[in-house]
Amino acid sequence: MRGFLAMAALALSVSATTSALAQSYTEEVVPNNDTCYRVMYKKQVDLVNPQGVLQQPSSNEFRSNIIYQHGGVARNVYNPAIYLETRTVVSPEYYSMRPTGCPRRLR
């Protein structure tokens, strides 16, 4: 009987302390004032002019390889103009930072 009363007293004291702890429990809330960014890479934009600088103008040429023993060959050849391609940078490459929501983190 004494053991039963001791166990009942112990159970009563444990329940009293847990209810007291439950009443005094507070949760600390930390506001999320962080600002997170997503980094975006922007490529360089070039303006390409395929007919930039003239190197050699177009021309017509008459090529003849006349060998009378094997038959003669004569050709009128057109040589197109030769240009160097030019590039102009419209906007250089850069990184931009776009604000986004921060992922949840444990504190």
PDB file of N, CA and C in Angstrom:
ATOM      1  N   MET A   1       0.811  -1.169   0.000  1.00  0.00           N
ATOM      2  CA  MET A   1       0.000   0.000   0.000  1.00  0.00           C
ATOM      3  C   MET A   1       0.869   1.252   0.000  1.00  0.00           C
ATOM      4  N   ARG A   2       1.964   1.184   0.775  1.00  0.00           N
ATOM      5  CA  ARG A   2       2.872   2.341   0.794  1.00  0.00           C
ATOM      6  C   ARG A   2       3.478   2.598  -0.576  1.00  0.00           C
ATOM      7  N   GLY A   3       3.839   1.498  -1.286  1.00  0.00           N
ATOM      8  CA  GLY A   3       4.405   1.636  -2.629  1.00  0.00           C
ATOM      9  C   GLY A   3       3.411   2.260  -3.588  1.00  0.00           C
ATOM     10  N   PHE A   4       2.131   1.875  -3.441  1.00  0.00           N
ATOM     11  CA  PHE A   4       1.089   2.419  -4.296  1.00  0.00           C
ATOM     12  C   PHE A   4       0.904   3.906  -4.061  1.00  0.00           C
ATOM     13  N   LEU A   5       0.943   4.332  -2.789  1.00  0.00           N
ATOM     14  CA  LEU A   5       0.810   5.748  -2.465  1.00  0.00           C
ATOM     15  C   LEU A   5       2.023   6.537  -2.950  1.00  0.00           C
ATOM     16  N   ALA A   6       3.208   5.923  -2.864  1.00  0.00           N
ATOM     17  CA  ALA A   6       4.421   6.595  -3.338  1.00  0.00           C
ATOM     18  C   ALA A   6       4.365   6.787  -4.855  1.00  0.00           C
ATOM     19  N   MET A   7       3.881   5.783  -5.560  1.00  0.00           N
ATOM     20  CA  MET A   7       3.775   5.882  -7.018  1.00  0.00           C
ATOM     21  C   MET A   7       2.723   6.920  -7.412  1.00  0.00           C
ATOM     22  N   ALA A   8       1.647   7.003  -6.703  1.00  0.00           N
ATOM     23  CA  ALA A   8       0.606   7.983  -6.986  1.00  0.00           C
ATOM     24  C   ALA A   8       1.118   9.386  -6.730  1.00  0.00           C
ATOM     25  N   ALA A   9       1.882   9.569  -5.660  1.00  0.00           N
ATOM     26  CA  ALA A   9       2.451  10.888  -5.367  1.00  0.00           C
ATOM     27  C   ALA A   9       3.458  11.292  -6.432  1.00  0.00           C
ATOM     28  N   LEU A  10       4.251  10.346  -6.886  1.00  0.00           N
ATOM     29  CA  LEU A  10       5.240  10.617  -7.940  1.00  0.00           C
ATOM     30  C   LEU A  10       4.531  10.992  -9.247  1.00  0.00           C
ATOM     31  N   ALA A  11       3.499  10.292  -9.607  1.00  0.00           N
ATOM     32  CA  ALA A  11       2.749  10.587 -10.828  1.00  0.00           C
ATOM     33  C   ALA A  11       2.094  11.955 -10.740  1.00  0.00           C
ATOM     34  N   LEU A  12       1.585  12.311  -9.583  1.00  0.00           N
ATOM     35  CA  LEU A  12       0.955  13.606  -9.391  1.00  0.00           C
ATOM     36  C   LEU A  12       1.972  14.732  -9.516  1.00  0.00           C
ATOM     37  N   SER A  13       3.178  14.524  -8.972  1.00  0.00           N
ATOM     38  CA  SER A  13       4.204  15.565  -9.058  1.00  0.00           C
ATOM     39  C   SER A  13       4.721  15.730 -10.483  1.00  0.00           C
ATOM     40  N   VAL A  14       4.855  14.633 -11.226  1.00  0.00           N
ATOM     41  CA  VAL A  14       5.303  14.713 -12.623  1.00  0.00           C
ATOM     42  C   VAL A  14       4.257  15.434 -13.460  1.00  0.00           C
ATOM     43  N   SER A  15       2.994  15.137 -13.277  1.00  0.00           N
ATOM     44  CA  SER A  15       1.948  15.803 -14.058  1.00  0.00           C
ATOM     45  C   SER A  15       1.856  17.282 -13.690  1.00  0.00           C
ATOM     46  N   ALA A  16       2.113  17.627 -12.448  1.00  0.00           N
ATOM     47  CA  ALA A  16       2.077  19.028 -12.026  1.00  0.00           C
ATOM     48  C   ALA A  16       3.230  19.798 -12.657  1.00  0.00           C
ATOM     49  N   THR A  17       4.421  19.186 -12.732  1.00  0.00           N
ATOM     50  CA  THR A  17       5.560  19.889 -13.331  1.00  0.00           C
ATOM     51  C   THR A  17       5.378  20.012 -14.836  1.00  0.00           C
ATOM     52  N   THR A  18       4.861  19.000 -15.507  1.00  0.00           N
ATOM     53  CA  THR A  18       4.663  19.108 -16.956  1.00  0.00           C
ATOM     54  C   THR A  18       3.598  20.136 -17.292  1.00  0.00           C
ATOM     55  N   SER A  19       2.550  20.230 -16.474  1.00  0.00           N
ATOM     56  CA  SER A  19       1.548  21.252 -16.748  1.00  0.00           C
ATOM     57  C   SER A  19       2.109  22.635 -16.464  1.00  0.00           C
ATOM     58  N   ALA A  20       3.003  22.745 -15.494  1.00  0.00           N
ATOM     59  CA  ALA A  20       3.629  24.030 -15.207  1.00  0.00           C
ATOM     60  C   ALA A  20       4.586  24.417 -16.329  1.00  0.00           C
ATOM     61  N   LEU A  21       5.287  23.427 -16.882  1.00  0.00           N
ATOM     62  CA  LEU A  21       6.182  23.711 -18.001  1.00  0.00           C
ATOM     63  C   LEU A  21       5.391  24.089 -19.245  1.00  0.00           C
ATOM     64  N   ALA A  22       4.276  23.449 -19.445  1.00  0.00           N
ATOM     65  CA  ALA A  22       3.465  23.752 -20.618  1.00  0.00           C
ATOM     66  C   ALA A  22       2.888  25.155 -20.539  1.00  0.00           C
ATOM     67  N   GLN A  23       2.614  25.646 -19.397  1.00  0.00           N
ATOM     68  CA  GLN A  23       2.061  26.981 -19.265  1.00  0.00           C
ATOM     69  C   GLN A  23       3.136  28.048 -19.471  1.00  0.00           C
ATOM     70  N   SER A  24       4.385  27.730 -19.130  1.00  0.00           N
ATOM     71  CA  SER A  24       5.428  28.744 -19.230  1.00  0.00           C
ATOM     72  C   SER A  24       6.240  28.631 -20.517  1.00  0.00           C
ATOM     73  N   TYR A  25       5.870  27.729 -21.413  1.00  0.00           N
ATOM     74  CA  TYR A  25       6.627  27.547 -22.653  1.00  0.00           C
ATOM     75  C   TYR A  25       6.298  28.668 -23.635  1.00  0.00           C
ATOM     76  N   THR A  26       7.320  29.332 -24.134  1.00  0.00           N
ATOM     77  CA  THR A  26       7.123  30.364 -25.153  1.00  0.00           C
ATOM     78  C   THR A  26       8.004  30.036 -26.348  1.00  0.00           C
ATOM     79  N   GLU A  27       7.568  30.401 -27.517  1.00  0.00           N
ATOM     80  CA  GLU A  27       8.320  30.155 -28.736  1.00  0.00           C
ATOM     81  C   GLU A  27       8.900  31.466 -29.214  1.00  0.00           C
ATOM     82  N   GLU A  28      10.185  31.446 -29.489  1.00  0.00           N
ATOM     83  CA  GLU A  28      10.849  32.659 -29.962  1.00  0.00           C
ATOM     84  C   GLU A  28      10.720  32.734 -31.475  1.00  0.00           C
ATOM     85  N   VAL A  29      10.126  33.789 -31.955  1.00  0.00           N
ATOM     86  CA  VAL A  29       9.925  33.976 -33.384  1.00  0.00           C
ATOM     87  C   VAL A  29      10.908  35.046 -33.855  1.00  0.00           C
ATOM     88  N   VAL A  30      11.720  34.666 -34.827  1.00  0.00           N
ATOM     89  CA  VAL A  30      12.702  35.594 -35.373  1.00  0.00           C
ATOM     90  C   VAL A  30      12.188  36.047 -36.734  1.00  0.00           C
ATOM     91  N   PRO A  31      11.996  37.352 -36.905  1.00  0.00           N
ATOM     92  CA  PRO A  31      11.506  37.804 -38.218  1.00  0.00           C
ATOM     93  C   PRO A  31      12.571  37.582 -39.282  1.00  0.00           C
ATOM     94  N   ASN A  32      12.120  37.249 -40.487  1.00  0.00           N
ATOM     95  CA  ASN A  32      13.032  37.008 -41.598  1.00  0.00           C
ATOM     96  C   ASN A  32      13.231  38.322 -42.349  1.00  0.00           C
ATOM     97  N   ASN A  33      14.262  39.047 -41.978  1.00  0.00           N
ATOM     98  CA  ASN A  33      14.566  40.322 -42.624  1.00  0.00           C
ATOM     99  C   ASN A  33      15.664  40.177 -43.664  1.00  0.00           C
ATOM    100  N   ASP A  34      15.992  38.951 -44.009  1.00  0.00           N
ATOM    101  CA  ASP A  34      17.042  38.714 -44.994  1.00  0.00           C
ATOM    102  C   ASP A  34      16.526  39.038 -46.387  1.00  0.00           C
ATOM    103  N   THR A  35      17.432  39.425 -47.241  1.00  0.00           N
ATOM    104  CA  THR A  35      17.113  39.641 -48.639  1.00  0.00           C
ATOM    105  C   THR A  35      17.994  38.713 -49.455  1.00  0.00           C
ATOM    106  N   CYS A  36      17.381  37.860 -50.230  1.00  0.00           N
ATOM    107  CA  CYS A  36      18.129  36.919 -51.053  1.00  0.00           C
ATOM    108  C   CYS A  36      18.017  37.352 -52.514  1.00  0.00           C
ATOM    109  N   TYR A  37      19.047  37.022 -53.277  1.00  0.00           N
ATOM    110  CA  TYR A  37      19.096  37.408 -54.679  1.00  0.00           C
ATOM    111  C   TYR A  37      19.383  36.185 -55.533  1.00  0.00           C
ATOM    112  N   ARG A  38      18.837  36.200 -56.737  1.00  0.00           N
ATOM    113  CA  ARG A  38      19.171  35.185 -57.732  1.00  0.00           C
ATOM    114  C   ARG A  38      20.082  35.850 -58.744  1.00  0.00           C
ATOM    115  N   VAL A  39      21.246  35.274 -58.942  1.00  0.00           N
ATOM    116  CA  VAL A  39      22.243  35.863 -59.832  1.00  0.00           C
ATOM    117  C   VAL A  39      21.957  35.403 -61.254  1.00  0.00           C
ATOM    118  N   MET A  40      21.828  36.360 -62.154  1.00  0.00           N
ATOM    119  CA  MET A  40      21.558  36.073 -63.563  1.00  0.00           C
ATOM    120  C   MET A  40      22.752  36.553 -64.394  1.00  0.00           C
ATOM    121  N   TYR A  41      23.243  35.696 -65.278  1.00  0.00           N
ATOM    122  CA  TYR A  41      24.345  36.039 -66.166  1.00  0.00           C
ATOM    123  C   TYR A  41      23.773  36.481 -67.509  1.00  0.00           C
ATOM    124  N   LYS A  42      24.164  37.638 -67.951  1.00  0.00           N
ATOM    125  CA  LYS A  42      23.724  38.155 -69.247  1.00  0.00           C
ATOM    126  C   LYS A  42      24.904  38.118 -70.214  1.00  0.00           C
ATOM    127  N   LYS A  43      24.683  37.512 -71.376  1.00  0.00           N
ATOM    128  CA  LYS A  43      25.753  37.382 -72.361  1.00  0.00           C
ATOM    129  C   LYS A  43      26.003  38.707 -73.085  1.00  0.00           C
ATOM    130  N   GLN A  44      27.170  38.786 -73.685  1.00  0.00           N
ATOM    131  CA  GLN A  44      27.522  39.966 -74.479  1.00  0.00           C
ATOM    132  C   GLN A  44      26.721  39.946 -75.779  1.00  0.00           C
ATOM    133  N   VAL A  45      26.221  41.098 -76.180  1.00  0.00           N
ATOM    134  CA  VAL A  45      25.461  41.218 -77.419  1.00  0.00           C
ATOM    135  C   VAL A  45      26.316  41.997 -78.413  1.00  0.00           C
ATOM    136  N   ASP A  46      26.550  41.373 -79.573  1.00  0.00           N
ATOM    137  CA  ASP A  46      27.370  41.990 -80.625  1.00  0.00           C
ATOM    138  C   ASP A  46      26.518  42.283 -81.851  1.00  0.00           C
ATOM    139  N   LEU A  47      26.875  43.339 -82.536  1.00  0.00           N
ATOM    140  CA  LEU A  47      26.284  43.643 -83.828  1.00  0.00           C
ATOM    141  C   LEU A  47      27.296  43.202 -84.878  1.00  0.00           C
ATOM    142  N   VAL A  48      26.929  42.210 -85.688  1.00  0.00           N
ATOM    143  CA  VAL A  48      27.848  41.620 -86.658  1.00  0.00           C
ATOM    144  C   VAL A  48      27.484  42.124 -88.052  1.00  0.00           C
ATOM    145  N   ASN A  49      28.475  42.656 -88.751  1.00  0.00           N
ATOM    146  CA  ASN A  49      28.304  43.103 -90.123  1.00  0.00           C
ATOM    147  C   ASN A  49      29.145  42.183 -91.003  1.00  0.00           C
ATOM    148  N   PRO A  50      28.508  41.259 -91.751  1.00  0.00           N
ATOM    149  CA  PRO A  50      29.302  40.335 -92.559  1.00  0.00           C
ATOM    150  C   PRO A  50      30.017  41.018 -93.721  1.00  0.00           C
ATOM    151  N   GLN A  51      29.544  42.176 -94.168  1.00  0.00           N
ATOM    152  CA  GLN A  51      30.229  42.917 -95.227  1.00  0.00           C
ATOM    153  C   GLN A  51      30.877  44.150 -94.615  1.00  0.00           C
ATOM    154  N   GLY A  52      31.808  43.907 -93.695  1.00  0.00           N
ATOM    155  CA  GLY A  52      32.415  45.013 -92.964  1.00  0.00           C
ATOM    156  C   GLY A  52      33.444  45.784 -93.767  1.00  0.00           C
ATOM    157  N   VAL A  53      34.609  45.194 -93.995  1.00  0.00           N
ATOM    158  CA  VAL A  53      35.710  45.882 -94.661  1.00  0.00           C
ATOM    159  C   VAL A  53      36.040  45.119 -95.941  1.00  0.00           C
ATOM    160  N   LEU A  54      36.001  45.821 -97.061  1.00  0.00           N
ATOM    161  CA  LEU A  54      36.285  45.204 -98.353  1.00  0.00           C
ATOM    162  C   LEU A  54      37.777  44.904 -98.465  1.00  0.00           C
ATOM    163  N   GLN A  55      38.118  43.652 -98.717  1.00  0.00           N
ATOM    164  CA  GLN A  55      39.518  43.257 -98.893  1.00  0.00           C
ATOM    165  C   GLN A  55      39.884  43.150-100.370  1.00  0.00           C
ATOM    166  N   GLN A  56      38.971  42.580-101.151  1.00  0.00           N
ATOM    167  CA  GLN A  56      39.233  42.417-102.580  1.00  0.00           C
ATOM    168  C   GLN A  56      37.911  42.564-103.319  1.00  0.00           C
ATOM    169  N   PRO A  57      37.812  43.445-104.298  1.00  0.00           N
ATOM    170  CA  PRO A  57      36.548  43.611-105.015  1.00  0.00           C
ATOM    171  C   PRO A  57      36.263  42.411-105.921  1.00  0.00           C
ATOM    172  N   SER A  58      35.021  42.305-106.355  1.00  0.00           N
ATOM    173  CA  SER A  58      34.663  41.205-107.253  1.00  0.00           C
ATOM    174  C   SER A  58      35.304  41.434-108.624  1.00  0.00           C
ATOM    175  N   SER A  59      35.508  40.330-109.318  1.00  0.00           N
ATOM    176  CA  SER A  59      36.158  40.453-110.631  1.00  0.00           C
ATOM    177  C   SER A  59      35.713  39.307-111.530  1.00  0.00           C
ATOM    178  N   ASN A  60      35.855  39.532-112.816  1.00  0.00           N
ATOM    179  CA  ASN A  60      35.632  38.497-113.830  1.00  0.00           C
ATOM    180  C   ASN A  60      36.983  38.165-114.438  1.00  0.00           C
ATOM    181  N   GLU A  61      37.169  36.905-114.724  1.00  0.00           N
ATOM    182  CA  GLU A  61      38.467  36.469-115.229  1.00  0.00           C
ATOM    183  C   GLU A  61      38.224  35.446-116.334  1.00  0.00           C
ATOM    184  N   PHE A  62      39.006  35.560-117.360  1.00  0.00           N
ATOM    185  CA  PHE A  62      38.922  34.597-118.461  1.00  0.00           C
ATOM    186  C   PHE A  62      40.117  33.667-118.350  1.00  0.00           C
ATOM    187  N   ARG A  63      39.844  32.406-118.039  1.00  0.00           N
ATOM    188  CA  ARG A  63      40.907  31.417-117.914  1.00  0.00           C
ATOM    189  C   ARG A  63      40.877  30.512-119.144  1.00  0.00           C
ATOM    190  N   SER A  64      42.028  30.366-119.700  1.00  0.00           N
ATOM    191  CA  SER A  64      42.085  29.481-120.869  1.00  0.00           C
ATOM    192  C   SER A  64      43.261  28.537-120.710  1.00  0.00           C
ATOM    193  N   ASN A  65      43.020  27.317-121.006  1.00  0.00           N
ATOM    194  CA  ASN A  65      44.052  26.305-120.996  1.00  0.00           C
ATOM    195  C   ASN A  65      43.921  25.592-122.335  1.00  0.00           C
ATOM    196  N   ILE A  66      44.453  26.223-123.314  1.00  0.00           N
ATOM    197  CA  ILE A  66      44.247  25.722-124.666  1.00  0.00           C
ATOM    198  C   ILE A  66      45.431  24.839-125.047  1.00  0.00           C
ATOM    199  N   ILE A  67      45.144  23.586-125.093  1.00  0.00           N
ATOM    200  CA  ILE A  67      46.114  22.617-125.608  1.00  0.00           C
ATOM    201  C   ILE A  67      45.401  21.921-126.764  1.00  0.00           C
ATOM    202  N   TYR A  68      45.896  22.165-127.969  1.00  0.00           N
ATOM    203  CA  TYR A  68      45.177  21.737-129.147  1.00  0.00           C
ATOM    204  C   TYR A  68      45.185  20.230-129.326  1.00  0.00           C
ATOM    205  N   GLN A  69      46.175  19.562-128.714  1.00  0.00           N
ATOM    206  CA  GLN A  69      46.239  18.116-128.920  1.00  0.00           C
ATOM    207  C   GLN A  69      45.131  17.391-128.133  1.00  0.00           C
ATOM    208  N   HIS A  70      44.783  17.905-126.922  1.00  0.00           N
ATOM    209  CA  HIS A  70      43.795  17.229-126.085  1.00  0.00           C
ATOM    210  C   HIS A  70      42.442  17.952-126.068  1.00  0.00           C
ATOM    211  N   GLY A  71      42.296  18.972-126.778  1.00  0.00           N
ATOM    212  CA  GLY A  71      41.055  19.746-126.762  1.00  0.00           C
ATOM    213  C   GLY A  71      41.239  20.936-125.850  1.00  0.00           C
ATOM    214  N   GLY A  72      40.739  22.056-126.227  1.00  0.00           N
ATOM    215  CA  GLY A  72      40.953  23.282-125.468  1.00  0.00           C
ATOM    216  C   GLY A  72      39.842  23.520-124.445  1.00  0.00           C
ATOM    217  N   VAL A  73      40.193  24.166-123.349  1.00  0.00           N
ATOM    218  CA  VAL A  73      39.238  24.515-122.311  1.00  0.00           C
ATOM    219  C   VAL A  73      39.336  26.009-122.077  1.00  0.00           C
ATOM    220  N   ALA A  74      38.222  26.694-122.100  1.00  0.00           N
ATOM    221  CA  ALA A  74      38.202  28.124-121.820  1.00  0.00           C
ATOM    222  C   ALA A  74      37.022  28.394-120.904  1.00  0.00           C
ATOM    223  N   ARG A  75      37.275  29.149-119.817  1.00  0.00           N
ATOM    224  CA  ARG A  75      36.211  29.429-118.842  1.00  0.00           C
ATOM    225  C   ARG A  75      36.190  30.916-118.518  1.00  0.00           C
ATOM    226  N   ASN A  76      34.983  31.425-118.353  1.00  0.00           N
ATOM    227  CA  ASN A  76      34.804  32.777-117.849  1.00  0.00           C
ATOM    228  C   ASN A  76      34.448  32.639-116.360  1.00  0.00           C
ATOM    229  N   VAL A  77      35.323  33.087-115.472  1.00  0.00           N
ATOM    230  CA  VAL A  77      35.173  32.863-114.037  1.00  0.00           C
ATOM    231  C   VAL A  77      34.797  34.158-113.344  1.00  0.00           C
ATOM    232  N   TYR A  78      33.822  34.061-112.425  1.00  0.00           N
ATOM    233  CA  TYR A  78      33.437  35.203-111.594  1.00  0.00           C
ATOM    234  C   TYR A  78      34.011  34.996-110.199  1.00  0.00           C
ATOM    235  N   ASN A  79      34.797  35.941-109.723  1.00  0.00           N
ATOM    236  CA  ASN A  79      35.358  35.908-108.368  1.00  0.00           C
ATOM    237  C   ASN A  79      34.568  36.888-107.502  1.00  0.00           C
ATOM    238  N   PRO A  80      33.875  36.374-106.469  1.00  0.00           N
ATOM    239  CA  PRO A  80      33.099  37.286-105.612  1.00  0.00           C
ATOM    240  C   PRO A  80      34.011  38.150-104.748  1.00  0.00           C
ATOM    241  N   ALA A  81      33.438  39.218-104.248  1.00  0.00           N
ATOM    242  CA  ALA A  81      34.196  40.127-103.382  1.00  0.00           C
ATOM    243  C   ALA A  81      34.511  39.429-102.055  1.00  0.00           C
ATOM    244  N   ILE A  82      35.624  39.828-101.447  1.00  0.00           N
ATOM    245  CA  ILE A  82      36.048  39.273-100.161  1.00  0.00           C
ATOM    246  C   ILE A  82      35.983  40.386 -99.123  1.00  0.00           C
ATOM    247  N   TYR A  83      35.237  40.105 -98.040  1.00  0.00           N
ATOM    248  CA  TYR A  83      35.045  41.084 -96.968  1.00  0.00           C
ATOM    249  C   TYR A  83      35.549  40.521 -95.651  1.00  0.00           C
ATOM    250  N   LEU A  84      35.993  41.397 -94.770  1.00  0.00           N
ATOM    251  CA  LEU A  84      36.293  41.028 -93.392  1.00  0.00           C
ATOM    252  C   LEU A  84      35.074  41.359 -92.536  1.00  0.00           C
ATOM    253  N   GLU A  85      34.671  40.399 -91.726  1.00  0.00           N
ATOM    254  CA  GLU A  85      33.521  40.599 -90.859  1.00  0.00           C
ATOM    255  C   GLU A  85      33.896  41.541 -89.706  1.00  0.00           C
ATOM    256  N   THR A  86      33.015  42.465 -89.386  1.00  0.00           N
ATOM    257  CA  THR A  86      33.277  43.379 -88.271  1.00  0.00           C
ATOM    258  C   THR A  86      32.237  43.148 -87.178  1.00  0.00           C
ATOM    259  N   ARG A  87      32.650  43.326 -85.936  1.00  0.00           N
ATOM    260  CA  ARG A  87      31.774  43.171 -84.777  1.00  0.00           C
ATOM    261  C   ARG A  87      31.828  44.432 -83.938  1.00  0.00           C
ATOM    262  N   THR A  88      30.660  44.862 -83.490  1.00  0.00           N
ATOM    263  CA  THR A  88      30.538  46.005 -82.590  1.00  0.00           C
ATOM    264  C   THR A  88      29.787  45.536 -81.350  1.00  0.00           C
ATOM    265  N   VAL A  89      30.336  45.817 -80.176  1.00  0.00           N
ATOM    266  CA  VAL A  89      29.712  45.397 -78.936  1.00  0.00           C
ATOM    267  C   VAL A  89      28.550  46.342 -78.625  1.00  0.00           C
ATOM    268  N   VAL A  90      27.334  45.789 -78.554  1.00  0.00           N
ATOM    269  CA  VAL A  90      26.149  46.576 -78.230  1.00  0.00           C
ATOM    270  C   VAL A  90      26.021  46.695 -76.712  1.00  0.00           C
ATOM    271  N   SER A  91      26.114  45.558 -76.002  1.00  0.00           N
ATOM    272  CA  SER A  91      26.117  45.588 -74.541  1.00  0.00           C
ATOM    273  C   SER A  91      27.089  44.519 -74.041  1.00  0.00           C
ATOM    274  N   PRO A  92      27.972  44.862 -73.114  1.00  0.00           N
ATOM    275  CA  PRO A  92      28.943  43.887 -72.618  1.00  0.00           C
ATOM    276  C   PRO A  92      28.276  42.860 -71.702  1.00  0.00           C
ATOM    277  N   GLU A  93      29.009  41.789 -71.414  1.00  0.00           N
ATOM    278  CA  GLU A  93      28.475  40.779 -70.505  1.00  0.00           C
ATOM    279  C   GLU A  93      28.461  41.323 -69.079  1.00  0.00           C
ATOM    280  N   TYR A  94      27.492  40.864 -68.283  1.00  0.00           N
ATOM    281  CA  TYR A  94      27.386  41.333 -66.904  1.00  0.00           C
ATOM    282  C   TYR A  94      26.528  40.367 -66.093  1.00  0.00           C
ATOM    283  N   TYR A  95      26.579  40.524 -64.788  1.00  0.00           N
ATOM    284  CA  TYR A  95      25.744  39.767 -63.867  1.00  0.00           C
ATOM    285  C   TYR A  95      24.708  40.711 -63.283  1.00  0.00           C
ATOM    286  N   SER A  96      23.467  40.247 -63.177  1.00  0.00           N
ATOM    287  CA  SER A  96      22.431  41.036 -62.521  1.00  0.00           C
ATOM    288  C   SER A  96      21.899  40.235 -61.344  1.00  0.00           C
ATOM    289  N   MET A  97      21.456  40.931 -60.309  1.00  0.00           N
ATOM    290  CA  MET A  97      20.945  40.285 -59.116  1.00  0.00           C
ATOM    291  C   MET A  97      19.464  40.603 -58.984  1.00  0.00           C
ATOM    292  N   ARG A  98      18.632  39.565 -59.078  1.00  0.00           N
ATOM    293  CA  ARG A  98      17.183  39.715 -58.992  1.00  0.00           C
ATOM    294  C   ARG A  98      16.735  39.309 -57.589  1.00  0.00           C
ATOM    295  N   PRO A  99      16.041  40.200 -56.834  1.00  0.00           N
ATOM    296  CA  PRO A  99      15.603  39.831 -55.487  1.00  0.00           C
ATOM    297  C   PRO A  99      14.541  38.724 -55.534  1.00  0.00           C
ATOM    298  N   THR A 100      14.716  37.740 -54.673  1.00  0.00           N
ATOM    299  CA  THR A 100      13.774  36.616 -54.583  1.00  0.00           C
ATOM    300  C   THR A 100      13.492  36.332 -53.115  1.00  0.00           C
ATOM    301  N   GLY A 101      12.560  35.459 -52.871  1.00  0.00           N
ATOM    302  CA  GLY A 101      12.278  35.021 -51.509  1.00  0.00           C
ATOM    303  C   GLY A 101      13.389  34.118 -51.007  1.00  0.00           C
ATOM    304  N   CYS A 102      13.683  34.224 -49.727  1.00  0.00           N
ATOM    305  CA  CYS A 102      14.727  33.408 -49.129  1.00  0.00           C
ATOM    306  C   CYS A 102      14.175  32.052 -48.742  1.00  0.00           C
ATOM    307  N   PRO A 103      14.991  31.012 -48.871  1.00  0.00           N
ATOM    308  CA  PRO A 103      14.525  29.709 -48.403  1.00  0.00           C
ATOM    309  C   PRO A 103      14.454  29.686 -46.874  1.00  0.00           C
ATOM    310  N   ARG A 104      13.593  28.836 -46.357  1.00  0.00           N
ATOM    311  CA  ARG A 104      13.448  28.759 -44.908  1.00  0.00           C
ATOM    312  C   ARG A 104      14.702  28.166 -44.311  1.00  0.00           C
ATOM    313  N   ARG A 105      15.159  28.753 -43.246  1.00  0.00           N
ATOM    314  CA  ARG A 105      16.346  28.229 -42.588  1.00  0.00           C
ATOM    315  C   ARG A 105      16.108  28.122 -41.102  1.00  0.00           C
ATOM    316  N   LEU A 106      16.788  27.181 -40.502  1.00  0.00           N
ATOM    317  CA  LEU A 106      16.635  26.949 -39.084  1.00  0.00           C
ATOM    318  C   LEU A 106      17.556  27.876 -38.318  1.00  0.00           C
ATOM    319  N   ARG A 107      17.046  28.412 -37.216  1.00  0.00           N
ATOM    320  CA  ARG A 107      17.855  29.298 -36.386  1.00  0.00           C
ATOM    321  C   ARG A 107      18.022  28.707 -35.029  1.00  0.00           C
TER     322      ARG A 107
END
